[in-house]
């Protein structure tokens, strides 16, 4: 059967992945209300299409902090890509480079940042960062990614503690013994690590707005804060000097009962008023979803779980197919809605 939409890849991954792996990728926090609402919220939004707009030429290109990408869909940070495909994040990096879009590499990668950079030397990459209790280790990681040519630092703000993901607890989810959080390999005794491959209480729960200043003292990379859902926090992010905001609820994996990200996007865009770029992730499954987010003020969207489905299907090639489908669906939606281009 041809793969013609993202749900085809989802069905394939659900069928072929081990149940515990599928459950880990799919899991939301608690009752999964926020995870589900991320998707349902897009279905509640309607277009107001314009006609006779001359749609023979459609341009999907845009820029992220000055770097041009082929279309406004990037790859959100998700961990443990080797659970989906043996080459893991190296395949992800190659697919993103082939499609000329941005790949946000996760702290919880199963390949080192050096391996990821070598896999796609000309790729456009940002690095997603959790601040750890061992601040020296965090500082070293920031310096590593800057030296490797990563072009942005994405500071995750919504995880002082890990949300309660019931299905992982029921399944007693554990990384396979051969799989490691490679960026920290050799820093810890393996027998003290948790199911996610790192010591318990590894992430620093004391993170606060002043840590943006601390990160600025470590690097000249632009800082994008991820996990913002309210106008108040968006205003604080701007005041603390970030260059971008990702409206995100961690795919519904943290606080259950918070807003869908597309609903939160509106108030964030309203308060930011173009002072910084605003992006959104969570719940994007079609090209029309992408267009809805852009119409509501997002500069770009980022996809998470669909990346893992594409990797599961055919690795780098499968992920390219997922991205190409979104590109083609977006282009068609633009044509039918009367939208010609996004870039300035």
Protein backbone atom coordinates (compact mmCIF):
# COMPACT_ATOMS: atom_id res chain seq x y z
CA UNK A 1 0.00 0.00 0.00
CA UNK A 2 1.44 3.42 -0.91
CA UNK A 3 2.21 5.78 1.95
CA UNK A 4 0.16 8.86 1.13
CA UNK A 5 -0.37 10.58 4.48
CA UNK A 6 1.21 10.68 7.93
CA UNK A 7 -1.39 8.37 9.42
CA UNK A 8 -0.13 5.62 7.07
CA UNK A 9 3.30 5.91 8.70
CA UNK A 10 1.70 5.92 12.13
CA UNK A 11 -0.19 2.70 11.33
CA UNK A 12 2.99 1.07 10.04
CA UNK A 13 5.00 2.02 13.12
CA UNK A 14 2.28 0.79 15.47
CA UNK A 15 2.24 -2.56 13.68
CA UNK A 16 5.99 -3.15 13.42
CA UNK A 17 7.54 -1.61 16.54
CA UNK A 18 7.71 -3.62 19.77
CA UNK A 19 4.76 -2.67 21.94
CA UNK A 20 6.87 -1.09 24.68
CA UNK A 21 8.69 1.06 22.09
CA UNK A 22 5.44 2.12 20.41
CA UNK A 23 3.95 2.95 23.79
CA UNK A 24 7.02 5.00 24.73
CA UNK A 25 6.81 7.06 21.53
CA UNK A 26 3.04 7.49 21.80
CA UNK A 27 2.84 8.10 25.55
CA UNK A 28 1.32 11.21 27.04
CA UNK A 29 1.15 12.23 30.67
CA UNK A 30 -1.57 10.91 33.00
CA UNK A 31 -4.85 10.59 31.03
CA UNK A 32 -3.30 11.92 27.79
CA UNK A 33 -5.91 14.68 27.50
CA UNK A 34 -3.38 17.28 26.35
CA UNK A 35 -1.74 14.89 23.90
CA UNK A 36 -5.11 14.24 22.26
CA UNK A 37 -6.19 17.89 22.34
CA UNK A 38 -3.04 18.90 20.46
CA UNK A 39 -4.47 17.03 17.46
CA UNK A 40 -8.16 17.80 17.98
CA UNK A 41 -7.56 21.53 18.30
CA UNK A 42 -6.40 21.74 14.68
CA UNK A 43 -9.61 20.10 13.54
CA UNK A 44 -11.63 22.90 15.15
CA UNK A 45 -9.93 25.60 13.08
CA UNK A 46 -11.42 26.67 9.73
CA UNK A 47 -9.85 28.57 6.85
CA UNK A 48 -11.24 31.67 5.15
CA UNK A 49 -9.88 30.97 1.65
CA UNK A 50 -9.37 33.70 -0.95
CA UNK A 51 -10.06 33.13 -4.64
CA UNK A 52 -8.58 34.31 -7.95
CA UNK A 53 -5.19 35.00 -6.38
CA UNK A 54 -2.99 33.78 -9.25
CA UNK A 55 -1.59 30.55 -7.82
CA UNK A 56 0.63 29.41 -10.70
CA UNK A 57 3.76 30.09 -8.63
CA UNK A 58 3.83 29.09 -4.96
CA UNK A 59 6.87 29.62 -2.74
CA UNK A 60 7.13 27.55 0.45
CA UNK A 61 10.54 28.89 1.53
CA UNK A 62 11.02 30.75 4.78
CA UNK A 63 13.85 31.66 7.16
CA UNK A 64 14.68 30.71 10.74
CA UNK A 65 16.76 33.40 12.42
CA UNK A 66 18.11 34.37 9.01
CA UNK A 67 18.80 30.88 7.63
CA UNK A 68 16.65 29.87 4.68
CA UNK A 69 14.82 26.55 4.73
CA UNK A 70 12.81 24.95 1.93
CA UNK A 71 9.51 24.97 3.81
CA UNK A 72 8.33 25.89 7.31
CA UNK A 73 8.42 22.41 8.86
CA UNK A 74 11.36 21.42 11.03
CA UNK A 75 12.22 18.38 13.13
CA UNK A 76 11.45 18.76 16.83
CA UNK A 77 13.75 17.23 19.45
CA UNK A 78 12.82 13.67 20.33
CA UNK A 79 15.04 11.15 22.08
CA UNK A 80 16.34 7.67 21.35
CA UNK A 81 16.02 7.47 17.57
CA UNK A 82 17.83 4.13 17.51
CA UNK A 83 14.64 2.66 18.95
CA UNK A 84 13.10 3.41 15.54
CA UNK A 85 16.04 2.77 13.19
CA UNK A 86 19.59 1.39 13.70
CA UNK A 87 21.38 4.53 12.47
CA UNK A 88 19.24 6.66 14.77
CA UNK A 89 19.87 10.38 14.73
CA UNK A 90 22.42 10.09 11.92
CA UNK A 91 19.57 9.12 9.59
CA UNK A 92 17.48 11.99 10.95
CA UNK A 93 20.26 14.48 10.27
CA UNK A 94 20.73 13.24 6.70
CA UNK A 95 16.99 13.41 5.96
CA UNK A 96 16.74 16.96 7.31
CA UNK A 97 19.73 18.05 5.25
CA UNK A 98 18.29 16.42 2.11
CA UNK A 99 15.04 18.34 2.62
CA UNK A 100 16.88 21.55 3.54
CA UNK A 101 15.17 22.09 6.85
CA UNK A 102 16.10 22.49 10.51
CA UNK A 103 16.77 19.53 12.79
CA UNK A 104 16.69 20.18 16.54
CA UNK A 105 18.91 17.48 18.00
CA UNK A 106 17.85 16.13 21.40
CA UNK A 107 20.06 15.98 24.47
CA UNK A 108 18.76 12.40 24.75
CA UNK A 109 20.27 11.23 21.46
CA UNK A 110 21.53 7.72 20.88
CA UNK A 111 24.32 9.13 18.69
CA UNK A 112 26.86 11.72 19.82
CA UNK A 113 26.61 15.28 18.56
CA UNK A 114 29.91 14.63 16.77
CA UNK A 115 28.43 11.65 14.91
CA UNK A 116 25.31 13.63 14.01
CA UNK A 117 27.34 16.56 12.67
CA UNK A 118 29.57 14.23 10.64
CA UNK A 119 26.52 12.46 9.14
CA UNK A 120 25.28 15.69 7.53
CA UNK A 121 28.13 18.23 7.59
CA UNK A 122 26.15 20.89 5.73
CA UNK A 123 22.92 20.38 7.65
CA UNK A 124 21.12 23.16 9.52
CA UNK A 125 20.90 22.10 13.17
CA UNK A 126 19.93 23.51 16.52
CA UNK A 127 20.60 21.68 19.78
CA UNK A 128 17.96 21.07 22.45
CA UNK A 129 19.33 21.41 25.96
CA UNK A 130 18.22 20.26 29.37
CA UNK A 131 20.14 21.96 32.17
CA UNK A 132 21.54 19.31 34.48
CA UNK A 133 22.46 19.45 38.15
CA UNK A 134 26.07 19.07 37.03
CA UNK A 135 26.40 22.52 35.50
CA UNK A 136 29.96 21.87 34.32
CA UNK A 137 28.69 18.94 32.24
CA UNK A 138 25.98 21.16 30.73
CA UNK A 139 28.53 23.87 29.92
CA UNK A 140 30.81 21.34 28.21
CA UNK A 141 27.92 20.11 26.07
CA UNK A 142 27.02 23.66 25.01
CA UNK A 143 30.62 24.30 24.01
CA UNK A 144 30.75 21.02 22.06
CA UNK A 145 27.72 21.83 19.94
CA UNK A 146 28.86 25.36 19.23
CA UNK A 147 32.27 24.09 18.09
CA UNK A 148 30.54 21.58 15.81
CA UNK A 149 28.60 24.28 13.97
CA UNK A 150 25.15 23.93 15.50
CA UNK A 151 23.40 27.23 14.86
CA UNK A 152 21.03 27.59 17.80
CA UNK A 153 20.49 26.47 21.39
CA UNK A 154 16.97 25.36 22.32
CA UNK A 155 16.50 25.57 26.09
CA UNK A 156 13.67 23.30 27.28
CA UNK A 157 11.80 25.08 30.06
CA UNK A 158 8.95 22.69 30.84
CA UNK A 159 10.76 19.77 32.44
CA UNK A 160 11.93 20.45 36.00
CA UNK A 161 10.67 16.91 36.58
CA UNK A 162 9.49 14.23 34.15
CA UNK A 163 5.71 13.96 33.73
CA UNK A 164 3.91 10.83 34.85
CA UNK A 165 3.70 8.65 31.75
CA UNK A 166 1.53 5.82 32.99
CA UNK A 167 2.09 3.47 30.08
CA UNK A 168 5.88 3.55 30.54
CA UNK A 169 5.40 2.71 34.22
CA UNK A 170 3.01 -0.16 33.41
CA UNK A 171 5.46 -1.48 30.80
CA UNK A 172 8.52 -0.99 33.01
CA UNK A 173 10.10 0.74 30.01
CA UNK A 174 13.89 0.46 29.82
CA UNK A 175 16.35 1.39 27.12
CA UNK A 176 17.86 -1.76 25.59
CA UNK A 177 21.25 -2.58 27.17
CA UNK A 178 23.19 -1.74 23.99
CA UNK A 179 21.62 1.72 23.70
CA UNK A 180 23.05 4.74 25.50
CA UNK A 181 22.47 8.45 25.89
CA UNK A 182 25.66 8.90 23.91
CA UNK A 183 26.44 12.51 24.73
CA UNK A 184 27.03 11.50 28.36
CA UNK A 185 28.58 8.08 27.83
CA UNK A 186 31.30 7.40 30.36
CA UNK A 187 30.18 10.12 32.77
CA UNK A 188 28.11 7.83 35.01
CA UNK A 189 28.07 4.34 36.42
CA UNK A 190 25.59 2.36 34.34
CA UNK A 191 24.14 0.57 37.35
CA UNK A 192 22.76 3.83 38.76
CA UNK A 193 20.97 4.94 35.58
CA UNK A 194 17.18 5.06 35.24
CA UNK A 195 14.96 3.77 32.44
CA UNK A 196 15.93 6.80 30.33
CA UNK A 197 19.64 6.04 30.52
CA UNK A 198 20.71 8.73 32.99
CA UNK A 199 21.01 8.92 36.78
CA UNK A 200 17.86 9.73 38.77
CA UNK A 201 17.23 13.44 39.37
CA UNK A 202 19.71 14.30 36.63
CA UNK A 203 17.86 17.39 35.41
CA UNK A 204 18.12 20.49 37.58
CA UNK A 205 14.66 21.38 38.97
CA UNK A 206 15.90 24.80 40.09
CA UNK A 207 15.97 26.15 36.51
CA UNK A 208 14.59 29.67 36.26
CA UNK A 209 14.65 32.75 34.03
CA UNK A 210 18.13 33.74 35.20
CA UNK A 211 19.48 30.59 33.55
CA UNK A 212 18.99 32.27 30.19
CA UNK A 213 21.64 34.78 31.27
CA UNK A 214 23.85 31.90 32.39
CA UNK A 215 23.51 30.25 28.97
CA UNK A 216 24.31 33.55 27.27
CA UNK A 217 27.53 33.66 29.29
CA UNK A 218 28.52 30.29 27.83
CA UNK A 219 27.77 30.76 24.15
CA UNK A 220 27.23 33.21 21.33
CA UNK A 221 24.56 30.95 19.82
CA UNK A 222 21.03 32.35 19.64
CA UNK A 223 18.83 30.98 22.42
CA UNK A 224 15.35 29.68 21.70
CA UNK A 225 13.18 28.79 24.69
CA UNK A 226 10.90 25.78 24.30
CA UNK A 227 7.83 25.04 26.40
CA UNK A 228 6.08 28.42 26.52
CA UNK A 229 2.25 28.34 26.70
CA UNK A 230 1.16 31.71 28.10
CA UNK A 231 1.45 35.38 27.22
CA UNK A 232 3.06 36.06 30.61
CA UNK A 233 5.92 33.63 30.02
CA UNK A 234 6.30 34.76 26.42
CA UNK A 235 6.73 38.33 27.65
CA UNK A 236 9.32 37.19 30.19
CA UNK A 237 11.19 35.27 27.50
CA UNK A 238 11.43 38.38 25.35
CA UNK A 239 12.52 40.48 28.33
CA UNK A 240 15.29 37.98 29.09
CA UNK A 241 16.69 38.27 25.60
CA UNK A 242 15.84 35.03 23.81
CA UNK A 243 15.83 35.04 20.01
CA UNK A 244 12.96 32.60 19.57
CA UNK A 245 10.06 30.89 21.35
CA UNK A 246 8.72 27.41 20.69
CA UNK A 247 5.12 27.12 21.86
CA UNK A 248 5.14 23.56 23.16
CA UNK A 249 3.63 21.29 25.80
CA UNK A 250 6.19 18.54 25.22
CA UNK A 251 3.78 16.57 23.06
CA UNK A 252 1.39 16.28 26.01
CA UNK A 253 4.03 14.35 27.97
CA UNK A 254 4.42 16.79 30.89
CA UNK A 255 1.44 18.60 32.47
CA UNK A 256 -1.84 16.95 31.48
CA UNK A 257 -4.67 19.47 31.29
CA UNK A 258 -2.73 22.36 29.79
CA UNK A 259 -3.75 24.03 26.53
CA UNK A 260 -3.28 22.60 23.08
CA UNK A 261 -0.29 24.32 21.55
CA UNK A 262 -2.19 25.76 18.58
CA UNK A 263 -4.60 27.38 21.06
CA UNK A 264 -1.74 28.80 23.14
CA UNK A 265 0.00 30.11 20.02
CA UNK A 266 -2.48 32.96 19.57
CA UNK A 267 -1.79 34.69 22.89
CA UNK A 268 1.97 34.18 22.56
CA UNK A 269 2.04 35.76 19.10
CA UNK A 270 -0.15 38.62 20.34
CA UNK A 271 2.15 39.59 23.19
CA UNK A 272 5.44 39.05 21.34
CA UNK A 273 4.46 41.40 18.47
CA UNK A 274 7.31 40.29 16.16
CA UNK A 275 10.01 41.06 18.74
CA UNK A 276 11.24 37.46 18.37
CA UNK A 277 10.34 34.57 16.11
CA UNK A 278 7.60 32.24 17.35
CA UNK A 279 7.35 28.56 16.42
CA UNK A 280 4.96 25.79 17.48
CA UNK A 281 5.03 22.01 17.82
CA UNK A 282 2.51 19.35 18.85
CA UNK A 283 -0.36 17.76 16.93
CA UNK A 284 0.71 18.60 13.36
CA UNK A 285 -0.38 15.76 11.09
CA UNK A 286 -1.20 17.39 7.73
CA UNK A 287 -0.05 20.20 5.49
CA UNK A 288 -3.27 22.05 6.26
CA UNK A 289 -2.32 21.89 9.96
CA UNK A 290 0.95 23.59 9.05
CA UNK A 291 -0.90 26.33 7.17
CA UNK A 292 -3.27 26.89 10.10
CA UNK A 293 -0.32 27.39 12.45
CA UNK A 294 1.34 29.81 10.05
CA UNK A 295 -1.90 31.72 9.57
CA UNK A 296 -2.11 32.15 13.35
CA UNK A 297 1.37 33.64 13.51
CA UNK A 298 3.91 30.83 13.75
CA UNK A 299 7.07 31.31 11.70
CA UNK A 300 7.61 27.54 11.46
CA UNK A 301 6.23 24.32 12.94
CA UNK A 302 8.20 21.37 14.28
CA UNK A 303 7.11 17.73 14.17
CA UNK A 304 8.03 15.02 16.69
CA UNK A 305 6.25 11.67 16.60
CA UNK A 306 5.84 11.63 12.78
CA UNK A 307 9.64 11.75 12.54
CA UNK A 308 9.85 8.52 14.52
CA UNK A 309 7.18 6.90 12.34
CA UNK A 310 9.12 7.78 9.20
CA UNK A 311 12.36 6.40 10.63
CA UNK A 312 10.58 3.20 11.60
CA UNK A 313 9.31 2.78 8.04
CA UNK A 314 12.57 3.22 6.07
CA UNK A 315 15.08 5.22 8.10
CA UNK A 316 16.39 8.29 6.31
CA UNK A 317 14.28 7.54 3.22
CA UNK A 318 11.11 7.09 5.27
CA UNK A 319 11.63 10.37 7.08
CA UNK A 320 12.22 12.16 3.80
CA UNK A 321 8.88 10.75 2.61
CA UNK A 322 7.13 12.12 5.70
CA UNK A 323 8.64 15.56 5.13
CA UNK A 324 7.88 15.48 1.41
CA UNK A 325 4.23 14.62 2.07
CA UNK A 326 3.92 17.57 4.45
CA UNK A 327 5.64 19.82 1.91
CA UNK A 328 3.29 18.75 -0.89
CA UNK A 329 0.18 18.98 1.30
CA UNK A 330 1.22 22.44 2.49
CA UNK A 331 1.78 23.62 -1.07
CA UNK A 332 -1.64 22.36 -2.12
CA UNK A 333 -3.31 23.94 0.91
CA UNK A 334 -1.61 27.25 0.10
CA UNK A 335 -2.90 27.07 -3.46
CA UNK A 336 -6.46 26.30 -2.39
CA UNK A 337 -6.44 28.95 0.33
CA UNK A 338 -4.91 31.67 -1.84
CA UNK A 339 -1.59 32.02 0.03
CA UNK A 340 1.43 32.52 -2.26
CA UNK A 341 4.48 32.80 0.04
CA UNK A 342 5.70 33.08 3.65
CA UNK A 343 9.06 34.79 3.58
CA UNK A 344 9.45 38.56 3.91
